[in-house]
Amino acid sequence: MAEKDIKELKSELRQRDFKIKELESLIVHDPLTGLFNRRGFLALANKLFQDVRHFQKNKAEREHFVIKSFAILFFDIDNFKKLNDTFSHKVGDQILQFASSVIMGKVRISDFVGRWGGEEIVVALIGSQEHDAYQKAEEIRKAVKSRVKIPKHPDLKITISAGVAELDGAYSLEELIKRADEAMYYSKLHGKNKVTQYSQLVGSKK
């Protein structure tokens, strides 16, 4: 094979490899926000959830495992449908992108952030207990309100509601996410633009 043919073949293989990696990335990432999609988030977070739960139950092994806890933050942009209807879906996409960027900037590289669906964003805080997760959710809530703006309408405040739940007592990652979702829904029903802890929600029902 001629040298020219070899170079062309190598170039073609590199391009093909890039396309494959690009497709693989699309399988687990949301193209609009760059966050993990639901599938990617669950795949990554579930393995860690199972590890933390295992070591919490096995005291003999616990001292060798650095991560002691695991918490979920569940965010929902307030009045998102109304914003879409009023300002267009393009503006709605921009709001979602801005909010995603703020959230990503407030968590550690070791944490997982995913677009759960629509305007919902879920975060797995590695090693965090519910109180610490609540503080982080509050920090994010305040940052979104102060930094996320609608182009040409900077005075209109964009807010998010949030729910927080810790691994303790949850049998699966899906159950833990559901708890955080329930806490977020409570925030929605009681004024929006606030953070609710699942443990407090359960305590209020007793």
N, C-alpha and C. Protein backbone atom coordinates (compact mmCIF):
# COMPACT_ATOMS: atom_id res chain seq x y z
N MET A 1 0.85 -1.20 0.00
CA MET A 1 0.00 0.00 0.00
C MET A 1 0.88 1.25 0.00
N ALA A 2 0.55 2.21 -0.85
CA ALA A 2 1.35 3.43 -0.97
C ALA A 2 1.24 4.27 0.29
N GLU A 3 2.28 5.10 0.50
CA GLU A 3 2.30 5.94 1.71
C GLU A 3 1.09 6.87 1.76
N LYS A 4 0.69 7.38 0.58
CA LYS A 4 -0.46 8.28 0.51
C LYS A 4 -1.73 7.54 0.95
N ASP A 5 -1.87 6.30 0.49
CA ASP A 5 -3.04 5.50 0.84
C ASP A 5 -3.10 5.21 2.34
N ILE A 6 -1.91 4.95 2.92
CA ILE A 6 -1.83 4.69 4.36
C ILE A 6 -2.28 5.91 5.16
N LYS A 7 -1.83 7.10 4.74
CA LYS A 7 -2.20 8.34 5.43
C LYS A 7 -3.71 8.58 5.34
N GLU A 8 -4.24 8.32 4.14
CA GLU A 8 -5.68 8.52 3.94
C GLU A 8 -6.48 7.53 4.79
N LEU A 9 -5.98 6.30 4.89
CA LEU A 9 -6.65 5.29 5.70
C LEU A 9 -6.63 5.67 7.18
N LYS A 10 -5.47 6.14 7.65
CA LYS A 10 -5.34 6.56 9.04
C LYS A 10 -6.28 7.73 9.34
N SER A 11 -6.35 8.67 8.39
CA SER A 11 -7.22 9.82 8.56
C SER A 11 -8.68 9.39 8.63
N GLU A 12 -9.04 8.45 7.77
CA GLU A 12 -10.42 7.95 7.75
C GLU A 12 -10.76 7.23 9.05
N LEU A 13 -9.81 6.45 9.57
CA LEU A 13 -10.02 5.73 10.82
C LEU A 13 -10.17 6.69 12.00
N ARG A 14 -9.36 7.76 12.00
CA ARG A 14 -9.45 8.75 13.06
C ARG A 14 -10.82 9.44 13.05
N GLN A 15 -11.29 9.77 11.84
CA GLN A 15 -12.58 10.41 11.71
C GLN A 15 -13.71 9.48 12.16
N ARG A 16 -13.57 8.21 11.79
CA ARG A 16 -14.58 7.23 12.17
C ARG A 16 -14.60 7.03 13.68
N ASP A 17 -13.39 7.01 14.29
CA ASP A 17 -13.29 6.85 15.74
C ASP A 17 -13.92 8.04 16.45
N PHE A 18 -13.71 9.25 15.90
CA PHE A 18 -14.30 10.46 16.48
C PHE A 18 -15.82 10.40 16.42
N LYS A 19 -16.35 9.94 15.27
CA LYS A 19 -17.80 9.84 15.12
C LYS A 19 -18.40 8.83 16.09
N ILE A 20 -17.70 7.72 16.29
CA ILE A 20 -18.17 6.71 17.24
C ILE A 20 -18.22 7.28 18.65
N LYS A 21 -17.15 7.99 19.05
CA LYS A 21 -17.11 8.60 20.38
C LYS A 21 -18.20 9.65 20.54
N GLU A 22 -18.44 10.39 19.45
CA GLU A 22 -19.49 11.41 19.48
C GLU A 22 -20.86 10.76 19.69
N LEU A 23 -21.10 9.65 19.00
CA LEU A 23 -22.36 8.93 19.15
C LEU A 23 -22.50 8.35 20.56
N GLU A 24 -21.39 7.80 21.08
CA GLU A 24 -21.41 7.25 22.44
C GLU A 24 -21.75 8.33 23.46
N SER A 25 -21.20 9.53 23.23
CA SER A 25 -21.47 10.64 24.14
C SER A 25 -22.94 11.03 24.10
N LEU A 26 -23.53 11.01 22.91
CA LEU A 26 -24.94 11.38 22.76
C LEU A 26 -25.86 10.39 23.47
N ILE A 27 -25.42 9.15 23.59
CA ILE A 27 -26.24 8.13 24.24
C ILE A 27 -26.47 8.46 25.72
N VAL A 28 -25.47 9.07 26.37
CA VAL A 28 -25.56 9.33 27.81
C VAL A 28 -25.62 10.81 28.16
N HIS A 29 -25.55 11.70 27.17
CA HIS A 29 -25.59 13.14 27.44
C HIS A 29 -26.78 13.81 26.76
N ASP A 30 -27.27 14.85 27.41
CA ASP A 30 -28.34 15.66 26.85
C ASP A 30 -27.71 16.70 25.92
N PRO A 31 -28.07 16.73 24.64
CA PRO A 31 -27.41 17.63 23.69
C PRO A 31 -27.67 19.12 23.96
N LEU A 32 -28.79 19.45 24.60
CA LEU A 32 -29.09 20.86 24.85
C LEU A 32 -28.24 21.44 25.97
N THR A 33 -28.14 20.73 27.09
CA THR A 33 -27.47 21.28 28.27
C THR A 33 -26.05 20.76 28.46
N GLY A 34 -25.73 19.63 27.83
CA GLY A 34 -24.42 19.01 28.05
C GLY A 34 -24.36 18.17 29.31
N LEU A 35 -25.46 18.15 30.07
CA LEU A 35 -25.52 17.31 31.27
C LEU A 35 -25.74 15.85 30.86
N PHE A 36 -25.59 14.95 31.83
CA PHE A 36 -25.99 13.57 31.57
C PHE A 36 -27.50 13.54 31.31
N ASN A 37 -27.93 12.68 30.41
CA ASN A 37 -29.36 12.45 30.29
C ASN A 37 -29.78 11.47 31.39
N ARG A 38 -31.06 11.13 31.44
CA ARG A 38 -31.53 10.25 32.50
C ARG A 38 -30.80 8.91 32.47
N ARG A 39 -30.63 8.38 31.29
CA ARG A 39 -29.95 7.08 31.15
C ARG A 39 -28.52 7.14 31.66
N GLY A 40 -27.79 8.18 31.26
CA GLY A 40 -26.40 8.31 31.69
C GLY A 40 -26.27 8.55 33.18
N PHE A 41 -27.16 9.38 33.72
CA PHE A 41 -27.14 9.68 35.15
C PHE A 41 -27.37 8.41 35.97
N LEU A 42 -28.40 7.65 35.60
CA LEU A 42 -28.72 6.44 36.35
C LEU A 42 -27.59 5.42 36.27
N ALA A 43 -26.98 5.29 35.10
CA ALA A 43 -25.91 4.31 34.93
C ALA A 43 -24.73 4.61 35.85
N LEU A 44 -24.36 5.88 35.95
CA LEU A 44 -23.21 6.26 36.77
C LEU A 44 -23.56 6.29 38.26
N ALA A 45 -24.67 6.92 38.58
CA ALA A 45 -25.02 7.12 39.99
C ALA A 45 -25.44 5.82 40.67
N ASN A 46 -26.05 4.90 39.92
CA ASN A 46 -26.56 3.68 40.54
C ASN A 46 -25.43 2.81 41.09
N LYS A 47 -24.33 2.73 40.36
CA LYS A 47 -23.20 1.91 40.82
C LYS A 47 -22.67 2.46 42.15
N LEU A 48 -22.52 3.75 42.24
CA LEU A 48 -22.02 4.36 43.47
C LEU A 48 -23.05 4.22 44.60
N PHE A 49 -24.32 4.37 44.27
CA PHE A 49 -25.37 4.20 45.27
C PHE A 49 -25.28 2.81 45.90
N GLN A 50 -25.14 1.79 45.06
CA GLN A 50 -25.07 0.42 45.56
C GLN A 50 -23.84 0.21 46.44
N ASP A 51 -22.71 0.82 46.05
CA ASP A 51 -21.49 0.69 46.84
C ASP A 51 -21.66 1.32 48.22
N VAL A 52 -22.19 2.55 48.25
CA VAL A 52 -22.38 3.25 49.53
C VAL A 52 -23.34 2.47 50.41
N ARG A 53 -24.43 2.01 49.85
CA ARG A 53 -25.42 1.25 50.63
C ARG A 53 -24.81 -0.04 51.18
N HIS A 54 -24.00 -0.70 50.37
CA HIS A 54 -23.35 -1.93 50.82
C HIS A 54 -22.44 -1.68 52.02
N PHE A 55 -21.62 -0.64 51.93
CA PHE A 55 -20.66 -0.37 53.01
C PHE A 55 -21.34 0.21 54.25
N GLN A 56 -22.49 0.86 54.06
CA GLN A 56 -23.23 1.31 55.24
C GLN A 56 -23.76 0.12 56.05
N LYS A 57 -24.12 -0.95 55.36
CA LYS A 57 -24.68 -2.14 56.01
C LYS A 57 -23.61 -3.07 56.56
N ASN A 58 -22.39 -3.00 56.03
CA ASN A 58 -21.31 -3.90 56.44
C ASN A 58 -20.25 -3.14 57.23
N LYS A 59 -20.41 -3.12 58.53
CA LYS A 59 -19.53 -2.33 59.40
C LYS A 59 -18.08 -2.76 59.31
N ALA A 60 -17.83 -4.05 59.10
CA ALA A 60 -16.46 -4.54 59.04
C ALA A 60 -15.70 -3.96 57.86
N GLU A 61 -16.40 -3.66 56.78
CA GLU A 61 -15.75 -3.13 55.58
C GLU A 61 -15.80 -1.61 55.52
N ARG A 62 -16.64 -1.00 56.36
CA ARG A 62 -16.93 0.43 56.24
C ARG A 62 -15.69 1.31 56.35
N GLU A 63 -14.76 0.95 57.23
CA GLU A 63 -13.60 1.81 57.47
C GLU A 63 -12.68 1.90 56.26
N HIS A 64 -12.82 0.98 55.31
CA HIS A 64 -11.97 0.99 54.12
C HIS A 64 -12.62 1.73 52.96
N PHE A 65 -13.83 2.24 53.17
CA PHE A 65 -14.55 2.93 52.10
C PHE A 65 -14.68 4.39 52.46
N VAL A 66 -14.14 5.25 51.62
CA VAL A 66 -14.06 6.68 51.93
C VAL A 66 -15.43 7.34 51.93
N ILE A 67 -16.29 6.99 50.96
CA ILE A 67 -17.58 7.65 50.81
C ILE A 67 -18.59 7.08 51.80
N LYS A 68 -19.07 7.89 52.70
CA LYS A 68 -19.94 7.42 53.77
C LYS A 68 -21.43 7.68 53.50
N SER A 69 -21.73 8.61 52.60
CA SER A 69 -23.13 8.95 52.37
C SER A 69 -23.33 9.38 50.92
N PHE A 70 -24.58 9.74 50.62
CA PHE A 70 -24.98 9.99 49.24
C PHE A 70 -26.31 10.73 49.28
N ALA A 71 -26.41 11.86 48.60
CA ALA A 71 -27.66 12.63 48.63
C ALA A 71 -28.06 13.04 47.22
N ILE A 72 -29.36 13.22 47.05
CA ILE A 72 -29.91 13.65 45.76
C ILE A 72 -30.56 15.02 45.90
N LEU A 73 -30.26 15.90 44.96
CA LEU A 73 -30.96 17.18 44.83
C LEU A 73 -31.83 17.09 43.58
N PHE A 74 -33.08 17.50 43.71
CA PHE A 74 -33.98 17.48 42.56
C PHE A 74 -34.50 18.90 42.33
N PHE A 75 -34.15 19.47 41.16
CA PHE A 75 -34.51 20.85 40.84
C PHE A 75 -35.56 20.91 39.74
N ASP A 76 -36.41 21.92 39.83
CA ASP A 76 -37.39 22.17 38.78
C ASP A 76 -37.51 23.68 38.60
N ILE A 77 -37.36 24.14 37.37
CA ILE A 77 -37.45 25.58 37.10
C ILE A 77 -38.91 26.03 37.24
N ASP A 78 -39.14 27.03 38.05
CA ASP A 78 -40.51 27.49 38.33
C ASP A 78 -41.14 28.15 37.10
N ASN A 79 -42.42 27.86 36.90
CA ASN A 79 -43.22 28.50 35.84
C ASN A 79 -42.63 28.32 34.44
N PHE A 80 -41.99 27.18 34.22
CA PHE A 80 -41.26 27.00 32.96
C PHE A 80 -42.19 26.97 31.75
N LYS A 81 -43.33 26.32 31.86
CA LYS A 81 -44.28 26.27 30.73
C LYS A 81 -44.76 27.68 30.38
N LYS A 82 -45.06 28.47 31.39
CA LYS A 82 -45.50 29.85 31.16
C LYS A 82 -44.40 30.67 30.49
N LEU A 83 -43.16 30.45 30.90
CA LEU A 83 -42.03 31.15 30.29
C LEU A 83 -41.89 30.77 28.82
N ASN A 84 -42.04 29.48 28.53
CA ASN A 84 -41.99 29.02 27.15
C ASN A 84 -43.10 29.65 26.31
N ASP A 85 -44.31 29.64 26.86
CA ASP A 85 -45.46 30.17 26.13
C ASP A 85 -45.36 31.68 25.92
N THR A 86 -44.77 32.36 26.89
CA THR A 86 -44.68 33.82 26.82
C THR A 86 -43.52 34.31 25.96
N PHE A 87 -42.36 33.68 26.12
CA PHE A 87 -41.16 34.20 25.47
C PHE A 87 -40.62 33.32 24.34
N SER A 88 -41.18 32.17 24.11
CA SER A 88 -40.80 31.21 23.05
C SER A 88 -39.94 30.08 23.63
N HIS A 89 -39.97 28.97 22.92
CA HIS A 89 -39.20 27.80 23.35
C HIS A 89 -37.70 28.06 23.26
N LYS A 90 -37.30 28.94 22.36
CA LYS A 90 -35.88 29.27 22.24
C LYS A 90 -35.37 29.91 23.53
N VAL A 91 -36.15 30.83 24.06
CA VAL A 91 -35.79 31.47 25.33
C VAL A 91 -35.84 30.44 26.46
N GLY A 92 -36.82 29.55 26.41
CA GLY A 92 -36.90 28.49 27.41
C GLY A 92 -35.66 27.62 27.40
N ASP A 93 -35.17 27.30 26.21
CA ASP A 93 -33.93 26.52 26.09
C ASP A 93 -32.75 27.27 26.69
N GLN A 94 -32.70 28.59 26.45
CA GLN A 94 -31.61 29.39 27.00
C GLN A 94 -31.65 29.41 28.53
N ILE A 95 -32.84 29.54 29.07
CA ILE A 95 -33.00 29.52 30.54
C ILE A 95 -32.50 28.20 31.10
N LEU A 96 -32.88 27.10 30.45
CA LEU A 96 -32.46 25.77 30.89
C LEU A 96 -30.95 25.62 30.80
N GLN A 97 -30.35 26.15 29.74
CA GLN A 97 -28.90 26.08 29.58
C GLN A 97 -28.20 26.91 30.65
N PHE A 98 -28.69 28.12 30.91
CA PHE A 98 -28.09 28.98 31.93
C PHE A 98 -28.18 28.34 33.31
N ALA A 99 -29.37 27.81 33.62
CA ALA A 99 -29.56 27.18 34.94
C ALA A 99 -28.65 25.96 35.09
N SER A 100 -28.52 25.17 34.03
CA SER A 100 -27.65 23.99 34.06
C SER A 100 -26.21 24.40 34.30
N SER A 101 -25.79 25.49 33.65
CA SER A 101 -24.43 25.98 33.82
C SER A 101 -24.17 26.44 35.25
N VAL A 102 -25.13 27.12 35.85
CA VAL A 102 -25.00 27.57 37.24
C VAL A 102 -24.87 26.37 38.17
N ILE A 103 -25.72 25.38 37.98
CA ILE A 103 -25.69 24.19 38.84
C ILE A 103 -24.35 23.47 38.70
N MET A 104 -23.89 23.29 37.47
CA MET A 104 -22.60 22.62 37.24
C MET A 104 -21.46 23.37 37.91
N GLY A 105 -21.55 24.69 37.91
CA GLY A 105 -20.50 25.49 38.52
C GLY A 105 -20.49 25.46 40.04
N LYS A 106 -21.57 24.97 40.64
CA LYS A 106 -21.69 24.96 42.09
C LYS A 106 -21.42 23.59 42.73
N VAL A 107 -21.23 22.56 41.91
CA VAL A 107 -20.96 21.23 42.46
C VAL A 107 -19.53 20.82 42.13
N ARG A 108 -19.08 19.74 42.76
CA ARG A 108 -17.72 19.26 42.55
C ARG A 108 -17.63 18.39 41.31
N ILE A 109 -16.44 18.22 40.82
CA ILE A 109 -16.24 17.40 39.63
C ILE A 109 -16.61 15.94 39.90
N SER A 110 -16.59 15.53 41.16
CA SER A 110 -16.94 14.16 41.52
C SER A 110 -18.45 13.92 41.59
N ASP A 111 -19.25 14.99 41.58
CA ASP A 111 -20.71 14.85 41.65
C ASP A 111 -21.29 14.63 40.25
N PHE A 112 -22.48 14.07 40.19
CA PHE A 112 -23.14 13.80 38.91
C PHE A 112 -24.33 14.73 38.74
N VAL A 113 -24.46 15.33 37.56
CA VAL A 113 -25.59 16.22 37.27
C VAL A 113 -26.27 15.74 35.99
N GLY A 114 -27.59 15.56 36.06
CA GLY A 114 -28.30 15.07 34.89
C GLY A 114 -29.59 15.83 34.63
N ARG A 115 -29.98 15.88 33.37
CA ARG A 115 -31.29 16.42 33.02
C ARG A 115 -32.28 15.27 33.10
N TRP A 116 -33.17 15.34 34.08
CA TRP A 116 -34.08 14.23 34.33
C TRP A 116 -35.19 14.19 33.29
N GLY A 117 -35.58 15.36 32.83
CA GLY A 117 -36.64 15.46 31.83
C GLY A 117 -37.22 16.86 31.83
N GLY A 118 -37.51 17.42 30.66
CA GLY A 118 -38.07 18.77 30.61
C GLY A 118 -37.18 19.77 31.31
N GLU A 119 -37.77 20.45 32.33
CA GLU A 119 -37.01 21.46 33.08
C GLU A 119 -36.49 20.92 34.40
N GLU A 120 -36.47 19.60 34.56
CA GLU A 120 -36.02 18.97 35.80
C GLU A 120 -34.54 18.58 35.72
N ILE A 121 -33.81 18.94 36.76
CA ILE A 121 -32.37 18.62 36.83
C ILE A 121 -32.11 17.91 38.16
N VAL A 122 -31.37 16.82 38.10
CA VAL A 122 -31.09 16.03 39.29
C VAL A 122 -29.58 15.99 39.53
N VAL A 123 -29.20 16.05 40.79
CA VAL A 123 -27.78 16.06 41.17
C VAL A 123 -27.52 14.98 42.21
N ALA A 124 -26.47 14.21 42.02
CA ALA A 124 -26.02 13.25 43.03
C ALA A 124 -24.81 13.85 43.72
N LEU A 125 -24.98 14.19 45.00
CA LEU A 125 -23.88 14.76 45.79
C LEU A 125 -23.18 13.61 46.52
N ILE A 126 -21.97 13.34 46.10
CA ILE A 126 -21.24 12.19 46.62
C ILE A 126 -20.66 12.51 47.99
N GLY A 127 -20.98 11.65 48.98
CA GLY A 127 -20.44 11.82 50.32
C GLY A 127 -21.17 12.82 51.18
N SER A 128 -22.29 13.35 50.68
CA SER A 128 -23.01 14.39 51.42
C SER A 128 -24.20 13.82 52.19
N GLN A 129 -24.42 14.33 53.37
CA GLN A 129 -25.62 14.02 54.13
C GLN A 129 -26.67 15.07 53.84
N GLU A 130 -27.90 14.84 54.31
CA GLU A 130 -29.01 15.69 53.89
C GLU A 130 -28.82 17.16 54.28
N HIS A 131 -28.31 17.41 55.46
CA HIS A 131 -28.14 18.81 55.89
C HIS A 131 -27.16 19.54 54.97
N ASP A 132 -26.03 18.90 54.65
CA ASP A 132 -25.05 19.52 53.76
C ASP A 132 -25.64 19.70 52.35
N ALA A 133 -26.42 18.70 51.92
CA ALA A 133 -27.05 18.78 50.61
C ALA A 133 -28.06 19.93 50.56
N TYR A 134 -28.75 20.14 51.68
CA TYR A 134 -29.70 21.25 51.77
C TYR A 134 -28.97 22.59 51.59
N GLN A 135 -27.84 22.72 52.27
CA GLN A 135 -27.07 23.96 52.14
C GLN A 135 -26.61 24.19 50.71
N LYS A 136 -26.21 23.12 50.04
CA LYS A 136 -25.78 23.24 48.65
C LYS A 136 -26.96 23.61 47.75
N ALA A 137 -28.11 22.99 47.99
CA ALA A 137 -29.30 23.31 47.19
C ALA A 137 -29.71 24.77 47.38
N GLU A 138 -29.60 25.27 48.60
CA GLU A 138 -29.91 26.67 48.89
C GLU A 138 -28.94 27.60 48.14
N GLU A 139 -27.68 27.22 48.15
CA GLU A 139 -26.67 28.01 47.44
C GLU A 139 -27.00 28.08 45.95
N ILE A 140 -27.38 26.93 45.38
CA ILE A 140 -27.73 26.88 43.96
C ILE A 140 -29.00 27.68 43.69
N ARG A 141 -30.00 27.54 44.55
CA ARG A 141 -31.25 28.27 44.37
C ARG A 141 -31.01 29.78 44.31
N LYS A 142 -30.20 30.28 45.24
CA LYS A 142 -29.90 31.71 45.28
C LYS A 142 -29.10 32.15 44.05
N ALA A 143 -28.17 31.31 43.62
CA ALA A 143 -27.35 31.64 42.46
C ALA A 143 -28.18 31.71 41.18
N VAL A 144 -29.11 30.77 41.03
CA VAL A 144 -29.98 30.80 39.85
C VAL A 144 -30.82 32.08 39.84
N LYS A 145 -31.39 32.42 40.97
CA LYS A 145 -32.24 33.62 41.04
C LYS A 145 -31.47 34.89 40.70
N SER A 146 -30.21 34.95 41.11
CA SER A 146 -29.43 36.18 40.89
C SER A 146 -28.72 36.21 39.52
N ARG A 147 -28.46 35.04 38.94
CA ARG A 147 -27.63 35.02 37.74
C ARG A 147 -28.34 34.63 36.45
N VAL A 148 -29.42 33.85 36.54
CA VAL A 148 -30.10 33.42 35.32
C VAL A 148 -31.11 34.49 34.90
N LYS A 149 -30.89 35.04 33.70
CA LYS A 149 -31.72 36.13 33.20
C LYS A 149 -32.31 35.79 31.84
N ILE A 150 -33.44 36.43 31.54
CA ILE A 150 -34.02 36.32 30.20
C ILE A 150 -33.49 37.46 29.36
N PRO A 151 -32.91 37.17 28.20
CA PRO A 151 -32.43 38.24 27.33
C PRO A 151 -33.54 39.27 27.06
N LYS A 152 -33.21 40.54 27.18
CA LYS A 152 -34.14 41.67 26.96
C LYS A 152 -35.16 41.83 28.11
N HIS A 153 -35.12 40.92 29.08
CA HIS A 153 -36.02 41.05 30.24
C HIS A 153 -35.23 40.74 31.53
N PRO A 154 -34.16 41.49 31.77
CA PRO A 154 -33.27 41.17 32.90
C PRO A 154 -33.90 41.36 34.28
N ASP A 155 -35.00 42.10 34.35
CA ASP A 155 -35.63 42.35 35.66
C ASP A 155 -36.53 41.20 36.09
N LEU A 156 -36.87 40.31 35.17
CA LEU A 156 -37.73 39.17 35.50
C LEU A 156 -36.90 38.08 36.17
N LYS A 157 -37.26 37.71 37.39
CA LYS A 157 -36.48 36.74 38.15
C LYS A 157 -36.84 35.30 37.75
N ILE A 158 -35.81 34.51 37.47
CA ILE A 158 -35.98 33.09 37.21
C ILE A 158 -35.65 32.35 38.50
N THR A 159 -36.57 31.52 38.96
CA THR A 159 -36.36 30.80 40.22
C THR A 159 -36.51 29.30 40.03
N ILE A 160 -36.00 28.55 40.99
CA ILE A 160 -36.14 27.10 40.96
C ILE A 160 -36.62 26.60 42.33
N SER A 161 -37.35 25.51 42.29
CA SER A 161 -37.75 24.81 43.51
C SER A 161 -36.91 23.55 43.61
N ALA A 162 -36.66 23.10 44.84
CA ALA A 162 -35.77 21.95 45.00
C ALA A 162 -36.22 21.04 46.13
N GLY A 163 -35.84 19.78 45.99
CA GLY A 163 -36.05 18.80 47.04
C GLY A 163 -34.75 18.07 47.31
N VAL A 164 -34.54 17.67 48.57
CA VAL A 164 -33.29 17.03 48.98
C VAL A 164 -33.61 15.75 49.74
N ALA A 165 -32.88 14.68 49.41
CA ALA A 165 -33.05 13.42 50.14
C ALA A 165 -31.71 12.72 50.27
N GLU A 166 -31.51 12.08 51.42
CA GLU A 166 -30.28 11.34 51.69
C GLU A 166 -30.53 9.84 51.53
N LEU A 167 -29.48 9.09 51.21
CA LEU A 167 -29.58 7.65 50.98
C LEU A 167 -30.24 6.91 52.13
N ASP A 168 -30.02 7.33 53.35
CA ASP A 168 -30.44 6.60 54.54
C ASP A 168 -31.87 6.05 54.43
N GLY A 169 -32.00 4.72 54.42
CA GLY A 169 -33.31 4.08 54.38
C GLY A 169 -33.83 3.78 52.99
N ALA A 170 -33.24 4.35 51.96
CA ALA A 170 -33.69 4.10 50.59
C ALA A 170 -33.12 2.77 50.09
N TYR A 171 -33.95 1.99 49.42
CA TYR A 171 -33.53 0.67 48.95
C TYR A 171 -32.99 0.69 47.52
N SER A 172 -33.25 1.78 46.81
CA SER A 172 -32.76 1.88 45.43
C SER A 172 -32.52 3.34 45.08
N LEU A 173 -31.75 3.56 44.04
CA LEU A 173 -31.50 4.93 43.59
C LEU A 173 -32.81 5.57 43.13
N GLU A 174 -33.64 4.79 42.43
CA GLU A 174 -34.93 5.32 41.95
C GLU A 174 -35.80 5.78 43.11
N GLU A 175 -35.79 5.02 44.22
CA GLU A 175 -36.56 5.40 45.39
C GLU A 175 -36.03 6.70 46.00
N LEU A 176 -34.71 6.81 46.05
CA LEU A 176 -34.09 8.02 46.59
C LEU A 176 -34.44 9.24 45.74
N ILE A 177 -34.38 9.09 44.42
CA ILE A 177 -34.74 10.18 43.52
C ILE A 177 -36.21 10.55 43.69
N LYS A 178 -37.07 9.54 43.86
CA LYS A 178 -38.49 9.79 44.07
C LYS A 178 -38.72 10.60 45.34
N ARG A 179 -37.96 10.31 46.39
CA ARG A 179 -38.09 11.06 47.64
C ARG A 179 -37.71 12.53 47.43
N ALA A 180 -36.60 12.75 46.72
CA ALA A 180 -36.18 14.13 46.43
C ALA A 180 -37.22 14.84 45.56
N ASP A 181 -37.80 14.10 44.64
CA ASP A 181 -38.85 14.64 43.77
C ASP A 181 -40.07 15.05 44.59
N GLU A 182 -40.46 14.21 45.55
CA GLU A 182 -41.60 14.52 46.41
C GLU A 182 -41.33 15.79 47.23
N ALA A 183 -40.11 15.91 47.72
CA ALA A 183 -39.74 17.10 48.49
C ALA A 183 -39.77 18.34 47.60
N MET A 184 -39.31 18.20 46.35
CA MET A 184 -39.36 19.31 45.41
C MET A 184 -40.80 19.73 45.13
N TYR A 185 -41.67 18.75 44.97
CA TYR A 185 -43.09 19.03 44.69
C TYR A 185 -43.72 19.79 45.86
N TYR A 186 -43.30 19.45 47.07
CA TYR A 186 -43.77 20.18 48.26
C TYR A 186 -43.36 21.65 48.16
N SER A 187 -42.12 21.87 47.73
CA SER A 187 -41.65 23.26 47.54
C SER A 187 -42.51 23.99 46.53
N LYS A 188 -42.88 23.29 45.46
CA LYS A 188 -43.73 23.88 44.42
C LYS A 188 -45.09 24.29 44.99
N LEU A 189 -45.66 23.41 45.81
CA LEU A 189 -47.00 23.64 46.33
C LEU A 189 -47.04 24.71 47.42
N HIS A 190 -45.87 25.02 47.99
CA HIS A 190 -45.83 25.95 49.12
C HIS A 190 -45.00 27.19 48.80
N GLY A 191 -45.28 27.77 47.66
CA GLY A 191 -44.71 29.07 47.33
C GLY A 191 -43.61 29.10 46.29
N LYS A 192 -43.03 27.94 45.95
CA LYS A 192 -41.94 27.87 44.97
C LYS A 192 -40.70 28.63 45.46
N ASN A 193 -39.63 28.55 44.67
CA ASN A 193 -38.37 29.23 45.00
C ASN A 193 -37.91 28.90 46.41
N LYS A 194 -37.96 27.61 46.76
CA LYS A 194 -37.51 27.18 48.08
C LYS A 194 -36.98 25.75 48.00
N VAL A 195 -36.32 25.32 49.07
CA VAL A 195 -35.76 23.97 49.16
C VAL A 195 -36.43 23.23 50.30
N THR A 196 -36.83 21.99 50.07
CA THR A 196 -37.46 21.17 51.10
C THR A 196 -36.65 19.90 51.30
N GLN A 197 -36.42 19.55 52.57
CA GLN A 197 -35.74 18.30 52.90
C GLN A 197 -36.77 17.19 53.08
N TYR A 198 -36.50 16.05 52.52
CA TYR A 198 -37.44 14.94 52.59
C TYR A 198 -37.66 14.51 54.04
N SER A 199 -36.63 14.52 54.87
CA SER A 199 -36.77 14.10 56.26
C SER A 199 -37.75 14.99 57.01
N GLN A 200 -37.77 16.29 56.71
CA GLN A 200 -38.71 17.20 57.35
C GLN A 200 -40.12 16.96 56.83
N LEU A 201 -40.22 16.61 55.56
CA LEU A 201 -41.51 16.31 54.97
C LEU A 201 -42.14 15.09 55.62
N VAL A 202 -41.32 14.05 55.83
CA VAL A 202 -41.79 12.84 56.50
C VAL A 202 -42.18 13.14 57.94
N GLY A 203 -41.35 13.96 58.61
CA GLY A 203 -41.62 14.31 59.99
C GLY A 203 -42.93 15.07 60.17
N SER A 204 -43.29 15.89 59.17
CA SER A 204 -44.52 16.66 59.27
C SER A 204 -45.76 15.81 59.09
N LYS A 205 -45.58 14.60 58.50
CA LYS A 205 -46.72 13.70 58.28
C LYS A 205 -47.01 12.84 59.50
N LYS A 206 -46.04 12.77 60.42
CA LYS A 206 -46.22 11.90 61.59
C LYS A 206 -47.15 12.52 62.62
